[in-house]
């Protein structure tokens, strides 16, 4: 019974993490590109808005993936401990 409670708590945390990162992804992909039009100076003969939207969004997505991997690795020991006790019959 305790293992099921741990699994449900873990599932809620994982779903909350995914929902939060998905909201961040949406904000970056739509918000950054929408507001990038207001940046009116050039960088290496290209408009800064292009660099901000293209490269900045890519860096943000990489940061989201790295954070997700770190967070899931941190949650993994709790999950594997629950699986080990279930396998032992406890």
N, C-alpha and C. Protein backbone atom coordinates (compact mmCIF):
# COMPACT_ATOMS: atom_id res chain seq x y z
N UNK A 1 0.82 -1.18 0.00
CA UNK A 1 0.00 0.00 0.00
C UNK A 1 0.87 1.26 0.00
N UNK A 2 1.96 1.21 0.79
CA UNK A 2 2.86 2.35 0.86
C UNK A 2 3.56 2.57 -0.49
N UNK A 3 3.91 1.47 -1.18
CA UNK A 3 4.58 1.60 -2.48
C UNK A 3 3.67 2.29 -3.49
N UNK A 4 2.40 1.99 -3.44
CA UNK A 4 1.47 2.61 -4.37
C UNK A 4 1.38 4.11 -4.10
N UNK A 5 1.36 4.51 -2.83
CA UNK A 5 1.34 5.93 -2.49
C UNK A 5 2.58 6.64 -2.97
N UNK A 6 3.74 5.99 -2.85
CA UNK A 6 4.99 6.56 -3.33
C UNK A 6 4.95 6.72 -4.85
N UNK A 7 4.44 5.71 -5.53
CA UNK A 7 4.35 5.76 -6.99
C UNK A 7 3.41 6.87 -7.44
N UNK A 8 2.28 7.00 -6.77
CA UNK A 8 1.34 8.06 -7.14
C UNK A 8 1.93 9.44 -6.89
N UNK A 9 2.66 9.61 -5.77
CA UNK A 9 3.30 10.89 -5.48
C UNK A 9 4.36 11.20 -6.53
N UNK A 10 5.13 10.19 -6.91
CA UNK A 10 6.16 10.37 -7.92
C UNK A 10 5.52 10.72 -9.26
N UNK A 11 4.44 10.04 -9.61
CA UNK A 11 3.77 10.33 -10.86
C UNK A 11 3.25 11.76 -10.89
N UNK A 12 2.71 12.25 -9.79
CA UNK A 12 2.23 13.64 -9.74
C UNK A 12 3.37 14.61 -9.92
N UNK A 13 4.51 14.32 -9.28
CA UNK A 13 5.66 15.22 -9.42
C UNK A 13 6.19 15.22 -10.85
N UNK A 14 6.23 14.04 -11.46
CA UNK A 14 6.71 13.96 -12.84
C UNK A 14 5.76 14.69 -13.78
N UNK A 15 4.46 14.51 -13.58
CA UNK A 15 3.49 15.20 -14.42
C UNK A 15 3.56 16.72 -14.21
N UNK A 16 3.75 17.15 -12.98
CA UNK A 16 3.88 18.58 -12.72
C UNK A 16 5.14 19.13 -13.37
N UNK A 17 6.23 18.38 -13.31
CA UNK A 17 7.47 18.79 -13.96
C UNK A 17 7.28 18.91 -15.47
N UNK A 18 6.65 17.91 -16.06
CA UNK A 18 6.41 17.94 -17.51
C UNK A 18 5.50 19.10 -17.90
N UNK A 19 4.46 19.34 -17.11
CA UNK A 19 3.54 20.44 -17.42
C UNK A 19 4.25 21.79 -17.31
N UNK A 20 5.07 21.96 -16.28
CA UNK A 20 5.80 23.21 -16.12
C UNK A 20 6.79 23.45 -17.24
N UNK A 21 7.52 22.41 -17.61
CA UNK A 21 8.50 22.57 -18.69
C UNK A 21 7.81 22.76 -20.04
N UNK A 22 6.66 22.14 -20.23
CA UNK A 22 5.91 22.35 -21.47
C UNK A 22 5.40 23.79 -21.55
N UNK A 23 4.95 24.34 -20.42
CA UNK A 23 4.52 25.74 -20.40
C UNK A 23 5.70 26.67 -20.68
N UNK A 24 6.86 26.37 -20.12
CA UNK A 24 8.05 27.16 -20.39
C UNK A 24 8.44 27.08 -21.86
N UNK A 25 8.35 25.89 -22.43
CA UNK A 25 8.65 25.71 -23.85
C UNK A 25 7.72 26.56 -24.71
N UNK A 26 6.42 26.55 -24.38
CA UNK A 26 5.45 27.34 -25.15
C UNK A 26 5.75 28.83 -25.00
N UNK A 27 6.09 29.26 -23.79
CA UNK A 27 6.39 30.68 -23.58
C UNK A 27 7.62 31.10 -24.36
N UNK A 28 8.62 30.24 -24.39
CA UNK A 28 9.84 30.57 -25.14
C UNK A 28 9.56 30.59 -26.64
N UNK A 29 8.88 29.58 -27.13
CA UNK A 29 8.70 29.49 -28.58
C UNK A 29 7.77 30.56 -29.12
N UNK A 30 6.75 30.93 -28.38
CA UNK A 30 5.83 31.97 -28.87
C UNK A 30 6.20 33.35 -28.35
N UNK A 31 6.55 33.44 -27.10
CA UNK A 31 6.85 34.75 -26.52
C UNK A 31 8.12 35.38 -27.05
N UNK A 32 9.19 34.62 -27.08
CA UNK A 32 10.47 35.17 -27.54
C UNK A 32 10.41 35.58 -29.00
N UNK A 33 9.80 34.78 -29.82
CA UNK A 33 9.73 35.13 -31.24
C UNK A 33 8.77 36.30 -31.48
N UNK A 34 7.74 36.43 -30.67
CA UNK A 34 6.80 37.54 -30.83
C UNK A 34 7.45 38.86 -30.45
N UNK A 35 8.15 38.88 -29.32
CA UNK A 35 8.76 40.11 -28.85
C UNK A 35 10.10 40.41 -29.51
N UNK A 36 10.65 39.48 -30.24
CA UNK A 36 11.94 39.71 -30.89
C UNK A 36 11.83 40.75 -32.00
N UNK A 37 10.65 40.95 -32.54
CA UNK A 37 10.49 41.94 -33.61
C UNK A 37 10.81 43.35 -33.15
N UNK A 38 10.68 43.60 -31.85
CA UNK A 38 10.94 44.94 -31.33
C UNK A 38 12.42 45.27 -31.22
N UNK A 39 13.29 44.29 -31.36
CA UNK A 39 14.73 44.51 -31.27
C UNK A 39 15.23 44.92 -32.66
N UNK A 40 15.57 46.18 -32.83
CA UNK A 40 15.82 46.73 -34.16
C UNK A 40 17.28 47.06 -34.44
N UNK A 41 18.22 46.31 -33.91
CA UNK A 41 19.62 46.58 -34.26
C UNK A 41 20.22 45.33 -34.88
N UNK A 42 21.37 45.51 -35.56
CA UNK A 42 21.98 44.42 -36.31
C UNK A 42 23.18 43.85 -35.57
N UNK A 43 23.42 42.58 -35.82
CA UNK A 43 24.57 41.88 -35.27
C UNK A 43 25.14 41.04 -36.40
N UNK A 44 26.34 41.38 -36.84
CA UNK A 44 27.00 40.69 -37.95
C UNK A 44 26.12 40.72 -39.20
N UNK A 45 25.62 41.88 -39.52
CA UNK A 45 24.80 42.15 -40.71
C UNK A 45 23.48 41.39 -40.73
N UNK A 46 23.06 40.86 -39.62
CA UNK A 46 21.76 40.22 -39.50
C UNK A 46 20.99 40.94 -38.41
N UNK A 47 19.69 41.03 -38.56
CA UNK A 47 18.90 41.66 -37.49
C UNK A 47 19.03 40.86 -36.19
N UNK A 48 19.17 41.56 -35.07
CA UNK A 48 19.30 40.89 -33.78
C UNK A 48 18.06 40.05 -33.47
N UNK A 49 16.92 40.48 -33.96
CA UNK A 49 15.70 39.71 -33.71
C UNK A 49 15.81 38.31 -34.29
N UNK A 50 16.48 38.16 -35.42
CA UNK A 50 16.69 36.83 -36.00
C UNK A 50 17.53 35.97 -35.06
N UNK A 51 18.64 36.52 -34.58
CA UNK A 51 19.51 35.76 -33.69
C UNK A 51 18.80 35.41 -32.39
N UNK A 52 18.05 36.36 -31.87
CA UNK A 52 17.35 36.14 -30.61
C UNK A 52 16.30 35.05 -30.75
N UNK A 53 15.54 35.08 -31.83
CA UNK A 53 14.48 34.10 -32.02
C UNK A 53 15.04 32.73 -32.38
N UNK A 54 16.01 32.70 -33.27
CA UNK A 54 16.52 31.41 -33.74
C UNK A 54 17.47 30.76 -32.74
N UNK A 55 18.49 31.47 -32.35
CA UNK A 55 19.50 30.88 -31.49
C UNK A 55 19.10 30.90 -30.01
N UNK A 56 18.46 31.94 -29.57
CA UNK A 56 18.04 32.02 -28.17
C UNK A 56 17.02 30.96 -27.82
N UNK A 57 16.08 30.72 -28.72
CA UNK A 57 15.07 29.68 -28.48
C UNK A 57 15.73 28.31 -28.44
N UNK A 58 16.69 28.08 -29.30
CA UNK A 58 17.39 26.80 -29.32
C UNK A 58 18.15 26.58 -28.02
N UNK A 59 18.83 27.59 -27.52
CA UNK A 59 19.54 27.47 -26.25
C UNK A 59 18.56 27.24 -25.09
N UNK A 60 17.41 27.87 -25.14
CA UNK A 60 16.41 27.66 -24.10
C UNK A 60 15.88 26.23 -24.13
N UNK A 61 15.66 25.68 -25.31
CA UNK A 61 15.19 24.30 -25.42
C UNK A 61 16.23 23.32 -24.90
N UNK A 62 17.49 23.57 -25.19
CA UNK A 62 18.55 22.71 -24.67
C UNK A 62 18.59 22.78 -23.15
N UNK A 63 18.42 23.97 -22.60
CA UNK A 63 18.40 24.13 -21.15
C UNK A 63 17.22 23.39 -20.53
N UNK A 64 16.08 23.41 -21.19
CA UNK A 64 14.90 22.68 -20.71
C UNK A 64 15.18 21.19 -20.68
N UNK A 65 15.79 20.66 -21.73
CA UNK A 65 16.09 19.22 -21.79
C UNK A 65 17.11 18.84 -20.72
N UNK A 66 18.12 19.66 -20.53
CA UNK A 66 19.14 19.38 -19.51
C UNK A 66 18.50 19.40 -18.12
N UNK A 67 17.65 20.38 -17.85
CA UNK A 67 16.99 20.44 -16.55
C UNK A 67 16.07 19.24 -16.35
N UNK A 68 15.35 18.83 -17.38
CA UNK A 68 14.47 17.67 -17.27
C UNK A 68 15.27 16.41 -16.96
N UNK A 69 16.40 16.23 -17.63
CA UNK A 69 17.24 15.05 -17.38
C UNK A 69 17.78 15.08 -15.96
N UNK A 70 18.21 16.24 -15.48
CA UNK A 70 18.71 16.36 -14.11
C UNK A 70 17.61 16.05 -13.10
N UNK A 71 16.42 16.60 -13.32
CA UNK A 71 15.32 16.39 -12.39
C UNK A 71 14.87 14.93 -12.38
N UNK A 72 14.81 14.29 -13.53
CA UNK A 72 14.38 12.90 -13.58
C UNK A 72 15.44 11.98 -12.96
N UNK A 73 16.70 12.32 -13.12
CA UNK A 73 17.76 11.53 -12.49
C UNK A 73 17.67 11.64 -10.98
N UNK A 74 17.30 12.82 -10.50
CA UNK A 74 17.14 13.04 -9.07
C UNK A 74 15.94 12.26 -8.52
N UNK A 75 14.89 12.12 -9.32
CA UNK A 75 13.72 11.36 -8.90
C UNK A 75 13.91 9.86 -9.09
N UNK A 76 14.84 9.44 -9.91
CA UNK A 76 15.03 8.02 -10.23
C UNK A 76 15.42 7.17 -9.03
N UNK A 77 16.29 7.59 -8.12
CA UNK A 77 16.62 6.72 -6.98
C UNK A 77 15.39 6.39 -6.13
N UNK A 78 14.48 7.35 -5.97
CA UNK A 78 13.27 7.07 -5.22
C UNK A 78 12.42 6.04 -5.94
N UNK A 79 12.36 6.13 -7.25
CA UNK A 79 11.57 5.18 -8.03
C UNK A 79 12.19 3.79 -7.98
N UNK A 80 13.50 3.70 -8.12
CA UNK A 80 14.15 2.38 -8.11
C UNK A 80 14.10 1.75 -6.73
N UNK A 81 14.11 2.54 -5.67
CA UNK A 81 13.98 2.00 -4.31
C UNK A 81 12.60 1.38 -4.12
N UNK A 82 11.58 2.01 -4.68
CA UNK A 82 10.23 1.46 -4.59
C UNK A 82 10.10 0.17 -5.38
N UNK A 83 10.75 0.09 -6.52
CA UNK A 83 10.71 -1.13 -7.33
C UNK A 83 11.44 -2.26 -6.64
N UNK A 84 12.55 -1.97 -5.96
CA UNK A 84 13.32 -3.01 -5.28
C UNK A 84 12.51 -3.60 -4.13
N UNK A 85 11.80 -2.76 -3.39
CA UNK A 85 11.00 -3.30 -2.28
C UNK A 85 9.81 -4.09 -2.78
N UNK A 86 9.27 -3.72 -3.93
CA UNK A 86 8.17 -4.51 -4.51
C UNK A 86 8.68 -5.87 -5.00
N UNK A 87 9.90 -5.90 -5.55
CA UNK A 87 10.46 -7.15 -6.05
C UNK A 87 10.77 -8.11 -4.89
N UNK A 88 11.13 -7.56 -3.73
CA UNK A 88 11.42 -8.39 -2.55
C UNK A 88 10.15 -8.90 -1.89
N UNK A 89 9.02 -8.38 -2.32
CA UNK A 89 7.76 -8.79 -1.73
C UNK A 89 7.37 -7.96 -0.54
N UNK A 90 8.05 -6.84 -0.34
CA UNK A 90 7.79 -6.01 0.83
C UNK A 90 7.01 -4.83 0.56
